[in-house]
Amino acid sequence: MGLPPDVDPVKLMYQLIYIIKSLTEILQRLQRTHVYVLPPPPPPPAPAPSAYPKVEAILRFLDYADKSKKRNDEWLSEDDIVKMYVMFQEDENAAKLYTAITDGSNGDDELIRVWVQRELDRLGGGK
C-alpha cells in the first residue's frame, strides 16, 4: 500500500503534524475553558411516608416487649405481641400515637403499659 505518485510524502507528513498540533491546541483550550462537572448521584430512595411510622412503632414495641421479658415482667403474651404488631401494620394513626407516647414517656413504662393494655382490650385480647 503506497501513496499515489502525485502526493509528496514530506508535504503530507507536515500536513498531518499540523492537524495533530491543531487538535492538541483545541483540546487544551477546551480543558482550560470548560469545567466538566458530573451530576450528583441520585439520593437513595426514601421509605414510603406511610410505612415509616408503622415500622418505627413496631420496632419500638418489640424492643419494649423484649425489655419487659428480660426483666421477668412478662405481662404480654406472644398473642398480645402479634396483635399489637398487626395493629401497627394496619393502623398508621395508632402507630404514630404509640411513637408519640414513647417519645413523651421519659422512660415511664407504666404509661406505655396502660396504653398497650387499653389497645389490647379494644382489640379483644390482653390479660
Foldseek 3Di string as FASTA:
>chain_A
DDDPPVDDPVVVVVVVVVVVVVVVVVVVVCVVPDDDDDDDDDDDDDPDPLVVLLVVLLVVVVVLCVVCVVVVNNQDDPVLNVVVNVCSVVPSVVSNVLVVCVVPVVPVVVSSVVVSQVVQVVVPDGD
